Amino acid sequence: MNKKLVIHLISEELRNKFQMNTLRSLGFDCTSYTLIISEQILTFAGFIEKPDSLYQWYSQIIDNTVKGITFLNLDEMLDKWSVNIYIELLEARLIALAI
C-alpha cells in the first residue's frame, strides 16, 4: 500500500466532488465529469472484500467532508481532510480484519 498515493487520490476525489457540486449548484450537468475512483482508493487502502456497505460508508464520509469545503485555503483543507479520511480507512480495515 502506498500511503502517499492513497492520500493523493482521496484529495483528488474530494476536489472533484467539490467542483462538481459547485458547478451543479450553478445549473451545469456534470455527470460525465465525475471522478469515480473509490474502488481504486479502497483497494490501495488494503480492502480485499468491498461490500456495498463499505462503498456507502466511504461515500458518506466523502459527502460529509465536501459539505465543509470552501475555496478559502482549499489545498490545505484537502490535504488535512485526505489524511483524516485515510486514517478512517485504515481503522475500518483493521476492524474488518478483526471480525
N, C-alpha and C. Protein backbone atom coordinates (compact mmCIF):
# COMPACT_ATOMS: atom_id res chain seq x y z
N MET A 1 0.85 -1.18 0.00
CA MET A 1 0.00 0.00 0.00
C MET A 1 0.89 1.25 0.00
N ASN A 2 0.57 2.16 -0.87
CA ASN A 2 1.33 3.40 -0.97
C ASN A 2 0.52 4.52 -0.32
N LYS A 3 0.92 4.89 0.88
CA LYS A 3 0.19 5.89 1.67
C LYS A 3 0.01 7.20 0.91
N LYS A 4 1.09 7.70 0.30
CA LYS A 4 1.01 8.98 -0.41
C LYS A 4 0.05 8.92 -1.59
N LEU A 5 0.04 7.81 -2.29
CA LEU A 5 -0.86 7.65 -3.43
C LEU A 5 -2.31 7.64 -2.98
N VAL A 6 -2.61 6.90 -1.93
CA VAL A 6 -3.99 6.84 -1.42
C VAL A 6 -4.45 8.22 -0.96
N ILE A 7 -3.62 8.92 -0.22
CA ILE A 7 -3.98 10.26 0.26
C ILE A 7 -4.17 11.20 -0.91
N HIS A 8 -3.32 11.11 -1.91
CA HIS A 8 -3.46 11.95 -3.10
C HIS A 8 -4.77 11.65 -3.83
N LEU A 9 -5.11 10.38 -3.99
CA LEU A 9 -6.36 10.02 -4.68
C LEU A 9 -7.59 10.49 -3.89
N ILE A 10 -7.53 10.38 -2.58
CA ILE A 10 -8.63 10.88 -1.75
C ILE A 10 -8.77 12.39 -1.95
N SER A 11 -7.66 13.09 -1.94
CA SER A 11 -7.68 14.54 -2.15
C SER A 11 -8.29 14.90 -3.50
N GLU A 12 -7.90 14.17 -4.53
CA GLU A 12 -8.45 14.43 -5.86
C GLU A 12 -9.94 14.11 -5.94
N GLU A 13 -10.36 13.06 -5.24
CA GLU A 13 -11.79 12.75 -5.21
C GLU A 13 -12.57 13.85 -4.50
N LEU A 14 -12.03 14.35 -3.39
CA LEU A 14 -12.68 15.45 -2.68
C LEU A 14 -12.75 16.70 -3.55
N ARG A 15 -11.65 17.02 -4.21
CA ARG A 15 -11.60 18.20 -5.07
C ARG A 15 -12.63 18.08 -6.20
N ASN A 16 -12.68 16.93 -6.83
CA ASN A 16 -13.62 16.71 -7.93
C ASN A 16 -15.06 16.81 -7.45
N LYS A 17 -15.36 16.18 -6.33
CA LYS A 17 -16.73 16.20 -5.79
C LYS A 17 -17.13 17.64 -5.44
N PHE A 18 -16.20 18.39 -4.86
CA PHE A 18 -16.47 19.78 -4.51
C PHE A 18 -16.74 20.60 -5.77
N GLN A 19 -15.90 20.43 -6.78
CA GLN A 19 -16.08 21.19 -8.02
C GLN A 19 -17.38 20.80 -8.72
N MET A 20 -17.70 19.53 -8.76
CA MET A 20 -18.93 19.09 -9.41
C MET A 20 -20.16 19.61 -8.66
N ASN A 21 -20.12 19.59 -7.34
CA ASN A 21 -21.24 20.14 -6.56
C ASN A 21 -21.41 21.63 -6.81
N THR A 22 -20.29 22.35 -6.89
CA THR A 22 -20.33 23.79 -7.14
C THR A 22 -20.92 24.07 -8.52
N LEU A 23 -20.46 23.35 -9.52
CA LEU A 23 -20.98 23.55 -10.88
C LEU A 23 -22.46 23.13 -10.98
N ARG A 24 -22.83 22.05 -10.29
CA ARG A 24 -24.22 21.60 -10.27
C ARG A 24 -25.13 22.68 -9.66
N SER A 25 -24.63 23.34 -8.61
CA SER A 25 -25.43 24.38 -7.97
C SER A 25 -25.63 25.58 -8.89
N LEU A 26 -24.76 25.72 -9.90
CA LEU A 26 -24.88 26.80 -10.88
C LEU A 26 -25.70 26.38 -12.10
N GLY A 27 -26.19 25.13 -12.08
CA GLY A 27 -27.05 24.67 -13.15
C GLY A 27 -26.39 23.83 -14.22
N PHE A 28 -25.15 23.46 -14.04
CA PHE A 28 -24.45 22.64 -15.03
C PHE A 28 -24.67 21.16 -14.77
N ASP A 29 -24.75 20.37 -15.83
CA ASP A 29 -24.81 18.92 -15.71
C ASP A 29 -23.40 18.38 -15.80
N CYS A 30 -22.91 17.85 -14.69
CA CYS A 30 -21.51 17.42 -14.61
C CYS A 30 -21.38 15.90 -14.53
N THR A 31 -22.42 15.20 -14.86
CA THR A 31 -22.43 13.75 -14.70
C THR A 31 -21.24 13.07 -15.37
N SER A 32 -20.92 13.48 -16.56
CA SER A 32 -19.84 12.81 -17.28
C SER A 32 -18.45 13.25 -16.82
N TYR A 33 -18.36 14.18 -15.90
CA TYR A 33 -17.06 14.65 -15.41
C TYR A 33 -16.75 14.21 -13.99
N THR A 34 -17.62 13.38 -13.44
CA THR A 34 -17.43 12.91 -12.08
C THR A 34 -16.33 11.87 -12.04
N LEU A 35 -15.41 12.05 -11.13
CA LEU A 35 -14.30 11.13 -10.94
C LEU A 35 -14.81 9.93 -10.14
N ILE A 36 -14.64 8.75 -10.68
CA ILE A 36 -15.11 7.54 -9.99
C ILE A 36 -13.89 6.69 -9.68
N ILE A 37 -13.30 6.93 -8.51
CA ILE A 37 -12.07 6.21 -8.14
C ILE A 37 -12.15 5.56 -6.76
N SER A 38 -13.35 5.47 -6.20
CA SER A 38 -13.47 4.91 -4.86
C SER A 38 -13.01 3.46 -4.81
N GLU A 39 -13.26 2.69 -5.86
CA GLU A 39 -12.82 1.29 -5.86
C GLU A 39 -11.29 1.21 -5.79
N GLN A 40 -10.61 2.05 -6.55
CA GLN A 40 -9.15 2.05 -6.51
C GLN A 40 -8.63 2.50 -5.15
N ILE A 41 -9.26 3.52 -4.59
CA ILE A 41 -8.83 4.01 -3.28
C ILE A 41 -8.98 2.91 -2.23
N LEU A 42 -10.13 2.24 -2.22
CA LEU A 42 -10.36 1.19 -1.23
C LEU A 42 -9.40 0.01 -1.44
N THR A 43 -9.12 -0.31 -2.70
CA THR A 43 -8.16 -1.38 -2.99
C THR A 43 -6.77 -1.00 -2.51
N PHE A 44 -6.32 0.20 -2.84
CA PHE A 44 -4.99 0.64 -2.43
C PHE A 44 -4.88 0.82 -0.91
N ALA A 45 -6.01 1.05 -0.26
CA ALA A 45 -6.02 1.17 1.20
C ALA A 45 -6.01 -0.19 1.88
N GLY A 46 -6.08 -1.26 1.07
CA GLY A 46 -5.93 -2.60 1.63
C GLY A 46 -7.19 -3.41 1.78
N PHE A 47 -8.30 -2.92 1.30
CA PHE A 47 -9.55 -3.67 1.40
C PHE A 47 -9.58 -4.73 0.30
N ILE A 48 -9.72 -5.98 0.71
CA ILE A 48 -9.81 -7.07 -0.26
C ILE A 48 -11.28 -7.27 -0.63
N GLU A 49 -12.10 -7.43 0.38
CA GLU A 49 -13.54 -7.54 0.15
C GLU A 49 -14.14 -6.16 0.27
N LYS A 50 -14.98 -5.81 -0.70
CA LYS A 50 -15.57 -4.47 -0.72
C LYS A 50 -17.09 -4.59 -0.92
N PRO A 51 -17.81 -4.87 0.18
CA PRO A 51 -19.27 -4.95 0.06
C PRO A 51 -19.88 -3.57 -0.18
N ASP A 52 -21.12 -3.58 -0.61
CA ASP A 52 -21.82 -2.32 -0.87
C ASP A 52 -21.82 -1.41 0.36
N SER A 53 -21.91 -1.99 1.53
CA SER A 53 -21.93 -1.17 2.76
C SER A 53 -20.64 -0.39 2.92
N LEU A 54 -19.51 -0.94 2.48
CA LEU A 54 -18.24 -0.22 2.55
C LEU A 54 -18.25 0.98 1.62
N TYR A 55 -18.74 0.79 0.40
CA TYR A 55 -18.84 1.90 -0.55
C TYR A 55 -19.78 2.98 -0.04
N GLN A 56 -20.89 2.57 0.56
CA GLN A 56 -21.85 3.54 1.10
C GLN A 56 -21.21 4.32 2.24
N TRP A 57 -20.51 3.63 3.11
CA TRP A 57 -19.84 4.29 4.23
C TRP A 57 -18.80 5.28 3.73
N TYR A 58 -17.98 4.85 2.77
CA TYR A 58 -16.96 5.72 2.22
C TYR A 58 -17.58 6.93 1.51
N SER A 59 -18.61 6.71 0.72
CA SER A 59 -19.29 7.82 0.03
C SER A 59 -19.86 8.82 1.02
N GLN A 60 -20.38 8.32 2.12
CA GLN A 60 -20.93 9.21 3.15
C GLN A 60 -19.84 10.08 3.76
N ILE A 61 -18.67 9.49 3.99
CA ILE A 61 -17.54 10.26 4.52
C ILE A 61 -17.15 11.35 3.54
N ILE A 62 -17.04 11.00 2.26
CA ILE A 62 -16.68 11.98 1.23
C ILE A 62 -17.73 13.09 1.17
N ASP A 63 -19.01 12.70 1.12
CA ASP A 63 -20.08 13.70 1.04
C ASP A 63 -20.08 14.63 2.24
N ASN A 64 -19.91 14.08 3.43
CA ASN A 64 -19.89 14.92 4.64
C ASN A 64 -18.70 15.86 4.65
N THR A 65 -17.57 15.38 4.19
CA THR A 65 -16.37 16.21 4.15
C THR A 65 -16.53 17.35 3.15
N VAL A 66 -17.09 17.04 1.98
CA VAL A 66 -17.26 18.04 0.93
C VAL A 66 -18.17 19.18 1.40
N LYS A 67 -19.13 18.88 2.25
CA LYS A 67 -20.03 19.92 2.75
C LYS A 67 -19.28 21.01 3.50
N GLY A 68 -18.13 20.66 4.09
CA GLY A 68 -17.37 21.63 4.85
C GLY A 68 -16.26 22.33 4.06
N ILE A 69 -16.16 22.02 2.78
CA ILE A 69 -15.09 22.61 1.96
C ILE A 69 -15.50 23.98 1.45
N THR A 70 -14.56 24.90 1.51
CA THR A 70 -14.74 26.22 0.91
C THR A 70 -13.51 26.51 0.06
N PHE A 71 -13.56 27.57 -0.72
CA PHE A 71 -12.41 27.93 -1.54
C PHE A 71 -11.28 28.53 -0.71
N LEU A 72 -11.57 28.94 0.51
CA LEU A 72 -10.57 29.51 1.40
C LEU A 72 -9.60 28.43 1.84
N ASN A 73 -8.34 28.55 1.51
CA ASN A 73 -7.30 27.56 1.86
C ASN A 73 -7.67 26.16 1.38
N LEU A 74 -8.19 26.07 0.18
CA LEU A 74 -8.69 24.80 -0.37
C LEU A 74 -7.64 23.70 -0.32
N ASP A 75 -6.45 23.95 -0.81
CA ASP A 75 -5.43 22.91 -0.85
C ASP A 75 -5.03 22.43 0.54
N GLU A 76 -4.91 23.35 1.47
CA GLU A 76 -4.57 22.97 2.84
C GLU A 76 -5.66 22.12 3.46
N MET A 77 -6.91 22.51 3.23
CA MET A 77 -8.03 21.75 3.78
C MET A 77 -8.10 20.36 3.15
N LEU A 78 -7.89 20.28 1.84
CA LEU A 78 -7.93 18.99 1.17
C LEU A 78 -6.83 18.07 1.69
N ASP A 79 -5.64 18.62 1.90
CA ASP A 79 -4.54 17.82 2.46
C ASP A 79 -4.89 17.28 3.84
N LYS A 80 -5.42 18.14 4.68
CA LYS A 80 -5.77 17.75 6.05
C LYS A 80 -6.87 16.70 6.05
N TRP A 81 -7.94 16.94 5.30
CA TRP A 81 -9.07 16.01 5.31
C TRP A 81 -8.74 14.69 4.63
N SER A 82 -7.85 14.73 3.64
CA SER A 82 -7.45 13.49 2.97
C SER A 82 -6.71 12.57 3.94
N VAL A 83 -5.85 13.15 4.76
CA VAL A 83 -5.14 12.36 5.77
C VAL A 83 -6.13 11.81 6.78
N ASN A 84 -7.09 12.62 7.21
CA ASN A 84 -8.09 12.15 8.17
C ASN A 84 -8.91 10.99 7.60
N ILE A 85 -9.31 11.10 6.35
CA ILE A 85 -10.08 10.03 5.72
C ILE A 85 -9.22 8.78 5.57
N TYR A 86 -7.96 8.96 5.22
CA TYR A 86 -7.04 7.84 5.12
C TYR A 86 -6.95 7.10 6.46
N ILE A 87 -6.84 7.82 7.53
CA ILE A 87 -6.79 7.21 8.87
C ILE A 87 -8.09 6.45 9.16
N GLU A 88 -9.22 7.03 8.79
CA GLU A 88 -10.50 6.34 8.98
C GLU A 88 -10.55 5.04 8.18
N LEU A 89 -10.01 5.07 6.97
CA LEU A 89 -9.97 3.85 6.15
C LEU A 89 -9.10 2.78 6.81
N LEU A 90 -7.95 3.18 7.32
CA LEU A 90 -7.08 2.21 8.00
C LEU A 90 -7.76 1.61 9.23
N GLU A 91 -8.43 2.44 10.00
CA GLU A 91 -9.15 1.95 11.19
C GLU A 91 -10.26 0.99 10.78
N ALA A 92 -11.00 1.33 9.73
CA ALA A 92 -12.08 0.46 9.25
C ALA A 92 -11.53 -0.87 8.75
N ARG A 93 -10.38 -0.82 8.08
CA ARG A 93 -9.77 -2.05 7.58
C ARG A 93 -9.32 -2.94 8.74
N LEU A 94 -8.75 -2.34 9.77
CA LEU A 94 -8.32 -3.11 10.93
C LEU A 94 -9.52 -3.75 11.63
N ILE A 95 -10.60 -3.02 11.72
CA ILE A 95 -11.82 -3.57 12.33
C ILE A 95 -12.35 -4.72 11.50
N ALA A 96 -12.35 -4.56 10.16
CA ALA A 96 -12.83 -5.61 9.26
C ALA A 96 -11.96 -6.86 9.38
N LEU A 97 -10.65 -6.68 9.54
CA LEU A 97 -9.75 -7.82 9.67
C LEU A 97 -9.96 -8.55 10.98
N ALA A 98 -10.36 -7.81 12.02
CA ALA A 98 -10.54 -8.41 13.35
C ALA A 98 -11.81 -9.25 13.46
N ILE A 99 -12.73 -8.99 12.51
CA ILE A 99 -14.02 -9.70 12.60
C ILE A 99 -13.91 -11.09 12.04
